[in-house]
Amino acid sequence: MTAPLLTTARFDLWQPALRDLADLLDLTRDEETRRFLGSFVPSEMDAFNRLHRNAGSWALHGYGTFMVRERGQDRIIANCGVFRSHRGFGQGLDDVPEAGWIVHRDHWGQGVAREVMEAALAWFDSAHGRQRIACMIEDGHVASDALAGKLGFLRYGLHQPDSGAALVLYERV
């Protein structure tokens, strides 16, 4: 792509591209940013797999997460959108569109996730029709919990993995 797919007042939203690998690794490697993403420290291979999974969602389903940049800038500051995943634990998260947002801590508290997710959800609804979208948020992630509510997601369940924190399950219908 030679231009962003979407723009908001402050951000350009791009489909994933090979050029995004280093910035995606930087985004997910920051300790504070990944605090609610699991306890592992991602490697370059993990970032490569995430990038290809995101691109694969676009290729196979026609939607996926966006690489978010400030208008006219190169650095990825967030990875947000509606994508296809298969978590493997059922409970309404397998084989449905899933919403997610990761924002670099340098941009927390500035409304990045809300602005981008509102644009991404509006685009998704326009392109694919309004349908059920699920998301999961680690229990105790107050900011993401509040954002989910503002985006119209309602809590419908809880998943307790064998190890790690409980995941609160949400849906927007």
C-alpha atoms as a PDB file:
ATOM      1  CA  MET A   1       0.000   0.000   0.000  1.00  0.00           C
ATOM      2  CA  THR A   2       1.231   3.460  -0.805  1.00  0.00           C
ATOM      3  CA  ALA A   3      -1.230   5.238   1.487  1.00  0.00           C
ATOM      4  CA  PRO A   4      -2.963   4.509   4.792  1.00  0.00           C
ATOM      5  CA  LEU A   5      -6.276   2.686   4.560  1.00  0.00           C
ATOM      6  CA  LEU A   6      -7.855   5.006   7.140  1.00  0.00           C
ATOM      7  CA  THR A   7      -7.022   8.311   8.746  1.00  0.00           C
ATOM      8  CA  THR A   8      -8.371   9.925  11.865  1.00  0.00           C
ATOM      9  CA  ALA A   9      -7.859  13.449  13.152  1.00  0.00           C
ATOM     10  CA  ARG A  10      -4.418  12.465  14.472  1.00  0.00           C
ATOM     11  CA  PHE A  11      -3.469   9.068  13.050  1.00  0.00           C
ATOM     12  CA  ASP A  12      -2.791   7.071   9.902  1.00  0.00           C
ATOM     13  CA  LEU A  13      -3.956   3.444   9.967  1.00  0.00           C
ATOM     14  CA  TRP A  14      -2.029   1.104   7.697  1.00  0.00           C
ATOM     15  CA  GLN A  15      -2.338  -2.557   6.855  1.00  0.00           C
ATOM     16  CA  PRO A  16       0.710  -4.554   8.059  1.00  0.00           C
ATOM     17  CA  ALA A  17       3.781  -4.481   5.832  1.00  0.00           C
ATOM     18  CA  LEU A  18       7.245  -6.036   6.046  1.00  0.00           C
ATOM     19  CA  ARG A  19       8.704  -2.632   6.943  1.00  0.00           C
ATOM     20  CA  ASP A  20       6.764  -2.779  10.236  1.00  0.00           C
ATOM     21  CA  LEU A  21       8.722  -5.615  11.853  1.00  0.00           C
ATOM     22  CA  ALA A  22      11.240  -3.554  13.875  1.00  0.00           C
ATOM     23  CA  ASP A  23       8.598  -1.114  15.153  1.00  0.00           C
ATOM     24  CA  LEU A  24       6.214  -3.946  16.050  1.00  0.00           C
ATOM     25  CA  LEU A  25       8.985  -5.608  18.050  1.00  0.00           C
ATOM     26  CA  ASP A  26       9.725  -2.297  19.785  1.00  0.00           C
ATOM     27  CA  LEU A  27       6.021  -1.836  20.577  1.00  0.00           C
ATOM     28  CA  THR A  28       5.605  -5.270  22.162  1.00  0.00           C
ATOM     29  CA  ARG A  29       9.015  -5.472  23.813  1.00  0.00           C
ATOM     30  CA  ASP A  30       8.460  -2.496  26.105  1.00  0.00           C
ATOM     31  CA  GLU A  31       7.899  -3.964  29.579  1.00  0.00           C
ATOM     32  CA  GLU A  32       5.116  -1.587  30.632  1.00  0.00           C
ATOM     33  CA  THR A  33       3.305  -1.808  27.296  1.00  0.00           C
ATOM     34  CA  ARG A  34       3.150  -5.605  27.463  1.00  0.00           C
ATOM     35  CA  ARG A  35       2.252  -5.791  31.150  1.00  0.00           C
ATOM     36  CA  PHE A  36      -1.233  -7.052  30.256  1.00  0.00           C
ATOM     37  CA  LEU A  37      -0.137  -9.043  27.185  1.00  0.00           C
ATOM     38  CA  GLY A  38       1.398 -11.974  29.019  1.00  0.00           C
ATOM     39  CA  SER A  39       4.610 -12.471  30.911  1.00  0.00           C
ATOM     40  CA  PHE A  40       6.924 -13.468  28.053  1.00  0.00           C
ATOM     41  CA  VAL A  41       9.476 -11.136  26.484  1.00  0.00           C
ATOM     42  CA  PRO A  42       8.879 -11.285  22.724  1.00  0.00           C
ATOM     43  CA  SER A  43      11.723 -12.154  20.415  1.00  0.00           C
ATOM     44  CA  GLU A  44      12.198 -10.985  16.849  1.00  0.00           C
ATOM     45  CA  MET A  45      10.626 -14.300  15.800  1.00  0.00           C
ATOM     46  CA  ASP A  46       7.550 -13.548  17.950  1.00  0.00           C
ATOM     47  CA  ALA A  47       7.205 -10.127  16.285  1.00  0.00           C
ATOM     48  CA  PHE A  48       7.649 -11.778  12.872  1.00  0.00           C
ATOM     49  CA  ASN A  49       4.881 -14.267  13.704  1.00  0.00           C
ATOM     50  CA  ARG A  50       2.571 -11.496  15.008  1.00  0.00           C
ATOM     51  CA  LEU A  51       3.154  -9.430  11.863  1.00  0.00           C
ATOM     52  CA  HIS A  52       2.408 -12.396   9.606  1.00  0.00           C
ATOM     53  CA  ARG A  53      -0.655 -13.384  11.638  1.00  0.00           C
ATOM     54  CA  ASN A  54      -1.962  -9.814  11.303  1.00  0.00           C
ATOM     55  CA  ALA A  55      -1.249  -9.762   7.553  1.00  0.00           C
ATOM     56  CA  GLY A  56      -2.859 -13.193   7.218  1.00  0.00           C
ATOM     57  CA  SER A  57      -6.063 -11.949   8.822  1.00  0.00           C
ATOM     58  CA  TRP A  58      -6.220  -9.233   6.165  1.00  0.00           C
ATOM     59  CA  ALA A  59      -5.447 -11.672   3.343  1.00  0.00           C
ATOM     60  CA  LEU A  60      -7.906 -14.372   4.402  1.00  0.00           C
ATOM     61  CA  HIS A  61     -10.737 -12.402   6.014  1.00  0.00           C
ATOM     62  CA  GLY A  62     -10.504  -8.889   4.573  1.00  0.00           C
ATOM     63  CA  TYR A  63      -9.853  -7.257   7.937  1.00  0.00           C
ATOM     64  CA  GLY A  64      -7.161  -7.203  10.598  1.00  0.00           C
ATOM     65  CA  THR A  65      -5.248  -4.961  12.926  1.00  0.00           C
ATOM     66  CA  PHE A  66      -3.866  -1.655  11.769  1.00  0.00           C
ATOM     67  CA  MET A  67      -0.344  -0.391  12.245  1.00  0.00           C
ATOM     68  CA  VAL A  68      -0.989   3.033  13.747  1.00  0.00           C
ATOM     69  CA  ARG A  69       1.256   6.014  13.108  1.00  0.00           C
ATOM     70  CA  GLU A  70       0.890   9.666  13.981  1.00  0.00           C
ATOM     71  CA  ARG A  71      -0.190  11.545  10.836  1.00  0.00           C
ATOM     72  CA  GLY A  72       2.752  11.773   8.451  1.00  0.00           C
ATOM     73  CA  GLN A  73       5.167   9.894  10.757  1.00  0.00           C
ATOM     74  CA  ASP A  74       6.923   6.537  10.267  1.00  0.00           C
ATOM     75  CA  ARG A  75       7.082   5.051  13.783  1.00  0.00           C
ATOM     76  CA  ILE A  76       4.330   2.635  14.820  1.00  0.00           C
ATOM     77  CA  ILE A  77       2.794   3.799  18.090  1.00  0.00           C
ATOM     78  CA  ALA A  78      -0.037   1.265  18.269  1.00  0.00           C
ATOM     79  CA  ASN A  79      -1.449  -1.912  16.779  1.00  0.00           C
ATOM     80  CA  CYS A  80      -5.257  -1.843  16.908  1.00  0.00           C
ATOM     81  CA  GLY A  81      -8.254  -3.195  15.072  1.00  0.00           C
ATOM     82  CA  VAL A  82     -10.525  -6.132  14.416  1.00  0.00           C
ATOM     83  CA  PHE A  83      -8.781  -9.356  13.442  1.00  0.00           C
ATOM     84  CA  ARG A  84      -9.378 -13.069  13.184  1.00  0.00           C
ATOM     85  CA  SER A  85      -7.847 -15.324  15.796  1.00  0.00           C
ATOM     86  CA  HIS A  86      -8.430 -18.751  17.224  1.00  0.00           C
ATOM     87  CA  ARG A  87      -7.705 -18.808  20.946  1.00  0.00           C
ATOM     88  CA  GLY A  88      -8.535 -22.476  21.354  1.00  0.00           C
ATOM     89  CA  PHE A  89     -10.530 -22.110  24.539  1.00  0.00           C
ATOM     90  CA  GLY A  90     -13.967 -21.618  23.048  1.00  0.00           C
ATOM     91  CA  GLN A  91     -16.287 -19.417  25.099  1.00  0.00           C
ATOM     92  CA  GLY A  92     -17.279 -17.413  22.047  1.00  0.00           C
ATOM     93  CA  LEU A  93     -13.773 -16.325  21.035  1.00  0.00           C
ATOM     94  CA  ASP A  94     -12.999 -18.924  18.384  1.00  0.00           C
ATOM     95  CA  ASP A  95     -13.981 -18.269  14.779  1.00  0.00           C
ATOM     96  CA  VAL A  96     -15.368 -14.769  15.329  1.00  0.00           C
ATOM     97  CA  PRO A  97     -13.911 -11.316  14.700  1.00  0.00           C
ATOM     98  CA  GLU A  98     -11.896 -10.178  17.710  1.00  0.00           C
ATOM     99  CA  ALA A  99     -11.048  -6.613  18.685  1.00  0.00           C
ATOM    100  CA  GLY A 100      -7.737  -5.680  20.240  1.00  0.00           C
ATOM    101  CA  TRP A 101      -5.527  -2.713  20.947  1.00  0.00           C
ATOM    102  CA  ILE A 102      -1.915  -2.267  21.983  1.00  0.00           C
ATOM    103  CA  VAL A 103      -0.636   1.269  22.494  1.00  0.00           C
ATOM    104  CA  HIS A 104       2.976   2.124  23.313  1.00  0.00           C
ATOM    105  CA  ARG A 105       3.215   3.548  26.817  1.00  0.00           C
ATOM    106  CA  ASP A 106       4.625   6.820  25.446  1.00  0.00           C
ATOM    107  CA  HIS A 107       1.097   7.475  24.159  1.00  0.00           C
ATOM    108  CA  TRP A 108      -1.018   6.261  27.072  1.00  0.00           C
ATOM    109  CA  GLY A 109      -3.682   8.610  28.396  1.00  0.00           C
ATOM    110  CA  GLN A 110      -3.946  10.504  25.094  1.00  0.00           C
ATOM    111  CA  GLY A 111      -7.049   8.786  23.677  1.00  0.00           C
ATOM    112  CA  VAL A 112      -5.113   6.890  20.997  1.00  0.00           C
ATOM    113  CA  ALA A 113      -6.882   3.539  21.424  1.00  0.00           C
ATOM    114  CA  ARG A 114     -10.340   5.102  21.570  1.00  0.00           C
ATOM    115  CA  GLU A 115      -9.839   7.271  18.475  1.00  0.00           C
ATOM    116  CA  VAL A 116      -8.325   4.439  16.465  1.00  0.00           C
ATOM    117  CA  MET A 117     -10.769   1.747  17.604  1.00  0.00           C
ATOM    118  CA  GLU A 118     -13.784   3.952  16.899  1.00  0.00           C
ATOM    119  CA  ALA A 119     -12.484   4.420  13.340  1.00  0.00           C
ATOM    120  CA  ALA A 120     -11.599   0.726  12.960  1.00  0.00           C
ATOM    121  CA  LEU A 121     -14.999  -0.462  14.232  1.00  0.00           C
ATOM    122  CA  ALA A 122     -16.871   2.002  12.001  1.00  0.00           C
ATOM    123  CA  TRP A 123     -14.826   0.829   9.006  1.00  0.00           C
ATOM    124  CA  PHE A 124     -15.422  -2.837   9.908  1.00  0.00           C
ATOM    125  CA  ASP A 125     -19.181  -2.321  10.254  1.00  0.00           C
ATOM    126  CA  SER A 126     -19.307  -0.497   6.913  1.00  0.00           C
ATOM    127  CA  ALA A 127     -17.168  -3.049   5.069  1.00  0.00           C
ATOM    128  CA  HIS A 128     -18.419  -6.280   6.677  1.00  0.00           C
ATOM    129  CA  GLY A 129     -21.767  -5.444   8.260  1.00  0.00           C
ATOM    130  CA  ARG A 130     -22.422  -5.096  11.932  1.00  0.00           C
ATOM    131  CA  GLN A 131     -21.853  -8.430  13.646  1.00  0.00           C
ATOM    132  CA  ARG A 132     -20.716  -9.876  16.921  1.00  0.00           C
ATOM    133  CA  ILE A 133     -17.132  -8.982  17.796  1.00  0.00           C
ATOM    134  CA  ALA A 134     -15.434 -10.421  20.870  1.00  0.00           C
ATOM    135  CA  CYS A 135     -12.452  -9.225  22.856  1.00  0.00           C
ATOM    136  CA  MET A 136     -10.562 -10.317  25.936  1.00  0.00           C
ATOM    137  CA  ILE A 137      -8.847  -8.182  28.532  1.00  0.00           C
ATOM    138  CA  GLU A 138      -6.657  -9.353  31.351  1.00  0.00           C
ATOM    139  CA  ASP A 139      -8.502  -9.005  34.644  1.00  0.00           C
ATOM    140  CA  GLY A 140      -7.330  -5.850  36.390  1.00  0.00           C
ATOM    141  CA  HIS A 141      -6.530  -3.835  33.253  1.00  0.00           C
ATOM    142  CA  VAL A 142      -8.689  -0.884  34.295  1.00  0.00           C
ATOM    143  CA  ALA A 143      -7.959   1.364  31.291  1.00  0.00           C
ATOM    144  CA  SER A 144      -8.807  -1.295  28.692  1.00  0.00           C
ATOM    145  CA  ASP A 145     -11.874  -2.351  30.650  1.00  0.00           C
ATOM    146  CA  ALA A 146     -13.152   1.244  30.590  1.00  0.00           C
ATOM    147  CA  LEU A 147     -12.371   1.576  26.877  1.00  0.00           C
ATOM    148  CA  ALA A 148     -14.231  -1.639  26.056  1.00  0.00           C
ATOM    149  CA  GLY A 149     -17.337  -0.178  27.683  1.00  0.00           C
ATOM    150  CA  LYS A 150     -16.999   3.101  25.770  1.00  0.00           C
ATOM    151  CA  LEU A 151     -16.737   1.111  22.523  1.00  0.00           C
ATOM    152  CA  GLY A 152     -19.962  -0.759  23.284  1.00  0.00           C
ATOM    153  CA  PHE A 153     -18.511  -4.046  24.524  1.00  0.00           C
ATOM    154  CA  LEU A 154     -20.293  -5.861  27.351  1.00  0.00           C
ATOM    155  CA  ARG A 155     -18.776  -8.446  29.659  1.00  0.00           C
ATOM    156  CA  TYR A 156     -20.079 -11.959  29.027  1.00  0.00           C
ATOM    157  CA  GLY A 157     -17.621 -14.323  30.669  1.00  0.00           C
ATOM    158  CA  LEU A 158     -14.326 -15.096  32.319  1.00  0.00           C
ATOM    159  CA  HIS A 159     -11.577 -17.446  31.209  1.00  0.00           C
ATOM    160  CA  GLN A 160      -9.036 -18.737  33.729  1.00  0.00           C
ATOM    161  CA  PRO A 161      -6.032 -20.219  31.923  1.00  0.00           C
ATOM    162  CA  ASP A 162      -3.952 -22.961  33.522  1.00  0.00           C
ATOM    163  CA  SER A 163      -1.334 -20.337  34.325  1.00  0.00           C
ATOM    164  CA  GLY A 164      -1.450 -16.570  34.333  1.00  0.00           C
ATOM    165  CA  ALA A 165      -4.128 -14.002  35.009  1.00  0.00           C
ATOM    166  CA  ALA A 166      -7.824 -14.438  34.337  1.00  0.00           C
ATOM    167  CA  LEU A 167      -9.184 -13.016  31.081  1.00  0.00           C
ATOM    168  CA  VAL A 168     -12.426 -11.058  31.067  1.00  0.00           C
ATOM    169  CA  LEU A 169     -14.441 -11.793  27.915  1.00  0.00           C
ATOM    170  CA  TYR A 170     -16.444  -9.070  26.174  1.00  0.00           C
ATOM    171  CA  GLU A 171     -18.672  -8.857  23.137  1.00  0.00           C
ATOM    172  CA  ARG A 172     -20.220  -6.181  20.976  1.00  0.00           C
ATOM    173  CA  VAL A 173     -23.329  -7.352  19.147  1.00  0.00           C
END
